[in-house]
Amino acid sequence: MGAFKVVLRNARVWRKYMVSSLVSNLGQPFLFLLAMGYGLGREIEVMEGMTYLQFIAPGLVASSVMYSAAFEATYGSYTRLSTQSTFEGILMTPITVGELALGEVLWGACKGFLSGIIMLASLPLFGLIPSVWVLFLLPILFAAGIMFAALGLLMTAIAGSYEFFNYFISLFITPLFLFSGIFFSLDTLPERTRWIVEILPLTPVVDLSRMLCYGRVGSELTLQAAVIVILAAGCTWLASIYLKKRLIQ
């Protein structure tokens, strides 16, 4: 399938700067885990039956997926689209625009998934031992990577320059990081505010990450997982449409 050829092509190029890429994508979640978990966490009482470090760690796993996938599908994809004209070269082959878009989304999801795996693997270093239920979190993280990569590619399709992504990161990605329940319990919010927070696309990923990391499986598991999959499929479809319009112009 053409989409997988796009993924393989991007992976071969990425190997040349793999270390610097991982450091930039994982730096913020690790620093927050240290500063908030070990620093501020000493001053915060038990939250939802967990220490503050236990509470925020799964959410930071989810956020690392979001950041890595979104950054790759914005700055990385825009470079291939505009600066390097890589997309034009790819489309000279039998690969279609739809396959190109899907390949870019899957590649962004792979990078997001890798970041999430590294964060999960590092939790024991902080004394946090995930439950065996964490295995069911892996497909959720990949689906979340697809969702945020697709949103990033959608922004790439309408961007006129790199500066456009400042709006996407500052007005969308950063608020998701701060207000999706990573650092505070949603139960403490007023009902109307909680409703707004619960419809943010990162919130179900954070909830499922926390739920499956510690084996606290709730009745909302299936619904939240379905929401993530539906959002991932819908965003990928939109990204494909807008990228086709961009490349036709």
Protein backbone atom coordinates (compact mmCIF):
# COMPACT_ATOMS: atom_id res chain seq x y z
CA MET A 1 0.00 0.00 0.00
CA GLY A 2 1.26 3.46 -0.92
CA ALA A 3 0.71 4.88 2.57
CA PHE A 4 3.15 2.41 4.11
CA LYS A 5 5.76 3.31 1.50
CA VAL A 6 5.43 6.94 2.61
CA VAL A 7 5.92 5.84 6.22
CA LEU A 8 9.04 3.85 5.32
CA ARG A 9 10.45 6.75 3.34
CA ASN A 10 10.02 9.15 6.27
CA ALA A 11 11.44 6.62 8.72
CA ARG A 12 14.62 6.23 6.68
CA VAL A 13 15.17 9.97 6.67
CA TRP A 14 14.33 10.29 10.38
CA ARG A 15 17.02 7.81 11.38
CA LYS A 16 19.63 10.48 10.61
CA TYR A 17 18.37 12.83 13.34
CA MET A 18 16.56 10.35 15.58
CA VAL A 19 18.31 11.29 18.85
CA SER A 20 17.74 15.04 18.61
CA SER A 21 14.14 14.46 17.59
CA LEU A 22 13.41 12.24 20.60
CA VAL A 23 15.09 14.65 23.00
CA SER A 24 13.02 17.60 21.77
CA ASN A 25 9.75 15.64 21.89
CA LEU A 26 10.29 14.01 25.27
CA GLY A 27 12.05 16.86 27.05
CA GLN A 28 8.93 18.71 28.20
CA PRO A 29 7.01 15.69 29.57
CA PHE A 30 10.07 14.47 31.48
CA LEU A 31 10.71 17.91 32.96
CA PHE A 32 7.08 18.23 34.04
CA LEU A 33 7.22 14.77 35.58
CA LEU A 34 10.25 15.77 37.61
CA ALA A 35 9.18 19.29 38.53
CA MET A 36 5.50 18.66 39.18
CA GLY A 37 5.75 15.10 40.44
CA TYR A 38 8.76 15.36 42.72
CA GLY A 39 8.65 19.09 43.40
CA LEU A 40 5.06 20.24 43.70
CA GLY A 41 3.92 16.70 44.43
CA ARG A 42 5.50 16.84 47.88
CA GLU A 43 3.10 19.62 48.82
CA ILE A 44 -0.08 18.02 47.46
CA GLU A 45 -2.16 15.48 49.33
CA VAL A 46 -3.44 12.24 47.85
CA MET A 47 -5.54 12.83 44.72
CA GLU A 48 -8.14 10.26 43.68
CA GLY A 49 -6.40 7.69 45.87
CA MET A 50 -2.98 8.34 44.28
CA THR A 51 0.08 10.41 45.03
CA TYR A 52 0.42 13.44 42.80
CA LEU A 53 3.29 11.79 40.94
CA GLN A 54 1.11 8.75 40.24
CA PHE A 55 -1.74 11.02 39.20
CA ILE A 56 0.09 13.09 36.58
CA ALA A 57 2.41 10.43 35.10
CA PRO A 58 -0.16 8.68 32.84
CA GLY A 59 -1.41 12.05 31.60
CA LEU A 60 2.12 13.05 30.65
CA VAL A 61 2.41 9.80 28.69
CA ALA A 62 -0.67 10.87 26.73
CA SER A 63 0.68 14.40 26.23
CA SER A 64 3.98 13.08 24.85
CA VAL A 65 2.00 11.26 22.15
CA MET A 66 0.10 14.45 21.34
CA TYR A 67 3.17 16.65 21.10
CA SER A 68 5.26 14.25 19.02
CA ALA A 69 2.48 13.44 16.57
CA ALA A 70 1.34 17.05 16.18
CA PHE A 71 4.85 18.46 15.73
CA GLU A 72 5.77 15.87 13.10
CA ALA A 73 2.59 16.46 11.10
CA THR A 74 3.03 20.24 11.21
CA TYR A 75 6.68 21.27 11.00
CA GLY A 76 7.84 17.98 9.50
CA SER A 77 5.04 17.63 6.97
CA TYR A 78 5.14 21.32 6.02
CA THR A 79 8.85 21.02 5.29
CA ARG A 80 8.17 18.09 2.99
CA LEU A 81 5.27 19.95 1.40
CA SER A 82 6.78 23.39 0.90
CA THR A 83 10.50 23.69 1.52
CA GLN A 84 11.74 20.36 0.14
CA SER A 85 8.91 19.72 -2.36
CA THR A 86 9.00 16.08 -1.29
CA PHE A 87 5.26 15.69 -1.77
CA GLU A 88 5.56 16.68 -5.42
CA GLY A 89 8.18 14.01 -5.97
CA ILE A 90 6.10 11.37 -4.21
CA LEU A 91 3.04 12.22 -6.30
CA MET A 92 5.07 11.64 -9.46
CA THR A 93 4.90 7.96 -8.51
CA PRO A 94 1.71 5.83 -8.50
CA ILE A 95 1.00 7.00 -4.91
CA THR A 96 -2.23 9.04 -4.67
CA VAL A 97 -2.89 12.12 -2.56
CA GLY A 98 -5.06 10.04 -0.25
CA GLU A 99 -2.26 7.52 0.29
CA LEU A 100 0.20 10.35 0.85
CA ALA A 101 -2.04 11.94 3.47
CA LEU A 102 -2.62 8.62 5.23
CA GLY A 103 1.10 7.89 5.15
CA GLU A 104 1.91 11.24 6.75
CA VAL A 105 -0.72 10.68 9.43
CA LEU A 106 0.53 7.15 10.16
CA TRP A 107 4.11 8.38 10.33
CA GLY A 108 3.16 11.10 12.80
CA ALA A 109 1.24 8.49 14.80
CA CYS A 110 4.29 6.21 14.84
CA LYS A 111 6.44 8.99 16.26
CA GLY A 112 3.80 9.83 18.84
CA PHE A 113 3.43 6.16 19.76
CA LEU A 114 7.21 5.79 20.16
CA SER A 115 7.29 8.78 22.50
CA GLY A 116 4.46 7.30 24.54
CA ILE A 117 6.23 3.93 24.78
CA ILE A 118 9.44 5.58 25.99
CA MET A 119 7.52 7.53 28.62
CA LEU A 120 5.73 4.38 29.78
CA ALA A 121 9.01 2.47 29.96
CA SER A 122 10.54 5.22 32.09
CA LEU A 123 7.81 5.18 34.76
CA PRO A 124 9.51 2.46 36.84
CA LEU A 125 12.50 4.81 37.16
CA PHE A 126 10.18 7.05 39.19
CA GLY A 127 8.91 4.16 41.28
CA LEU A 128 5.70 3.78 39.27
CA ILE A 129 4.93 0.21 38.22
CA PRO A 130 2.13 0.03 35.61
CA SER A 131 -0.54 -2.68 35.76
CA VAL A 132 -0.74 -5.43 33.14
CA TRP A 133 -3.77 -3.49 31.86
CA VAL A 134 -1.27 -1.07 30.34
CA LEU A 135 -1.02 -3.44 27.36
CA PHE A 136 -4.53 -2.37 26.38
CA LEU A 137 -3.35 1.24 26.47
CA LEU A 138 -0.97 0.73 23.55
CA PRO A 139 -3.61 0.73 20.76
CA ILE A 140 -5.27 3.70 22.46
CA LEU A 141 -2.02 5.66 22.30
CA PHE A 142 -1.58 4.80 18.63
CA ALA A 143 -5.14 5.89 17.85
CA ALA A 144 -4.48 9.13 19.74
CA GLY A 145 -1.33 9.59 17.67
CA ILE A 146 -3.40 9.24 14.50
CA MET A 147 -5.87 11.82 15.78
CA PHE A 148 -3.27 14.47 16.62
CA ALA A 149 -1.16 13.77 13.55
CA ALA A 150 -4.27 14.21 11.40
CA LEU A 151 -5.05 17.51 13.14
CA GLY A 152 -1.48 18.60 12.51
CA LEU A 153 -1.66 17.63 8.83
CA LEU A 154 -4.92 19.54 8.54
CA MET A 155 -3.10 22.64 9.80
CA THR A 156 -0.27 21.96 7.34
CA ALA A 157 -2.76 21.83 4.48
CA ILE A 158 -4.01 25.36 5.26
CA ALA A 159 -0.75 26.90 6.50
CA GLY A 160 0.91 29.65 4.50
CA SER A 161 4.17 29.60 6.47
CA TYR A 162 5.82 28.09 9.52
CA GLU A 163 4.56 31.00 11.61
CA PHE A 164 1.00 29.73 11.21
CA PHE A 165 1.82 26.81 13.47
CA ASN A 166 2.41 29.20 16.37
CA TYR A 167 -1.37 29.67 16.50
CA PHE A 168 -1.99 25.93 16.43
CA ILE A 169 0.52 25.17 19.18
CA SER A 170 -0.24 28.18 21.39
CA LEU A 171 -4.02 28.27 21.03
CA PHE A 172 -4.80 24.56 20.72
CA ILE A 173 -2.05 22.12 21.74
CA THR A 174 -0.84 24.01 24.82
CA PRO A 175 -4.37 24.58 26.22
CA LEU A 176 -5.06 20.85 25.74
CA PHE A 177 -1.92 20.08 27.71
CA LEU A 178 -2.93 22.38 30.55
CA PHE A 179 -6.69 21.80 30.77
CA SER A 180 -7.32 18.12 29.89
CA GLY A 181 -7.04 16.79 33.41
CA ILE A 182 -3.35 15.96 33.48
CA PHE A 183 -2.58 18.15 36.47
CA PHE A 184 -5.90 18.31 38.32
CA SER A 185 -8.93 16.15 38.96
CA LEU A 186 -11.96 16.96 36.84
CA ASP A 187 -14.16 16.21 39.85
CA THR A 188 -13.06 19.50 41.40
CA LEU A 189 -14.46 21.57 38.52
CA PRO A 190 -17.91 23.16 38.34
CA GLU A 191 -20.32 21.09 36.27
CA ARG A 192 -20.39 23.41 33.23
CA THR A 193 -16.61 23.78 33.18
CA ARG A 194 -16.17 20.05 33.57
CA TRP A 195 -18.44 19.44 30.57
CA ILE A 196 -16.25 21.70 28.43
CA VAL A 197 -13.05 19.99 29.57
CA GLU A 198 -14.48 16.53 28.97
CA ILE A 199 -15.10 17.22 25.28
CA LEU A 200 -11.47 18.23 24.65
CA PRO A 201 -9.81 15.60 22.44
CA LEU A 202 -6.95 14.91 24.86
CA THR A 203 -9.20 14.33 27.89
CA PRO A 204 -10.36 10.78 27.03
CA VAL A 205 -6.76 9.82 26.23
CA VAL A 206 -5.63 11.07 29.65
CA ASP A 207 -8.53 9.29 31.38
CA LEU A 208 -7.82 5.98 29.66
CA SER A 209 -4.09 6.31 30.25
CA ARG A 210 -4.64 6.80 33.98
CA MET A 211 -7.25 4.07 34.09
CA LEU A 212 -5.21 1.42 32.29
CA CYS A 213 -1.85 2.30 33.84
CA TYR A 214 -3.16 1.36 37.27
CA GLY A 215 -5.80 -1.20 36.31
CA ARG A 216 -8.69 0.97 37.50
CA VAL A 217 -10.96 -0.04 34.66
CA GLY A 218 -14.29 1.76 34.60
CA SER A 219 -17.53 1.40 32.69
CA GLU A 220 -16.64 4.36 30.44
CA LEU A 221 -13.65 2.52 28.91
CA THR A 222 -15.43 1.41 25.73
CA LEU A 223 -17.15 4.75 25.13
CA GLN A 224 -13.97 6.79 25.52
CA ALA A 225 -12.01 4.41 23.31
CA ALA A 226 -14.72 4.66 20.65
CA VAL A 227 -14.59 8.47 20.82
CA ILE A 228 -10.84 8.46 20.20
CA VAL A 229 -11.16 6.08 17.22
CA ILE A 230 -14.00 8.12 15.68
CA LEU A 231 -12.09 11.38 16.12
CA ALA A 232 -8.97 9.80 14.60
CA ALA A 233 -10.89 8.59 11.55
CA GLY A 234 -12.75 11.86 11.09
CA CYS A 235 -9.65 14.04 11.41
CA THR A 236 -7.75 11.82 8.95
CA TRP A 237 -10.56 12.16 6.42
CA LEU A 238 -10.60 15.96 6.77
CA ALA A 239 -6.82 16.19 6.51
CA SER A 240 -6.89 14.16 3.29
CA ILE A 241 -9.53 16.43 1.76
CA TYR A 242 -7.73 19.66 2.62
CA LEU A 243 -4.32 18.35 1.56
CA LYS A 244 -5.79 17.39 -1.81
CA LYS A 245 -7.17 20.92 -2.21
CA ARG A 246 -3.76 22.36 -1.28
CA LEU A 247 -1.86 20.22 -3.75
CA ILE A 248 -4.30 20.84 -6.59
CA GLN A 249 -3.87 24.65 -6.33
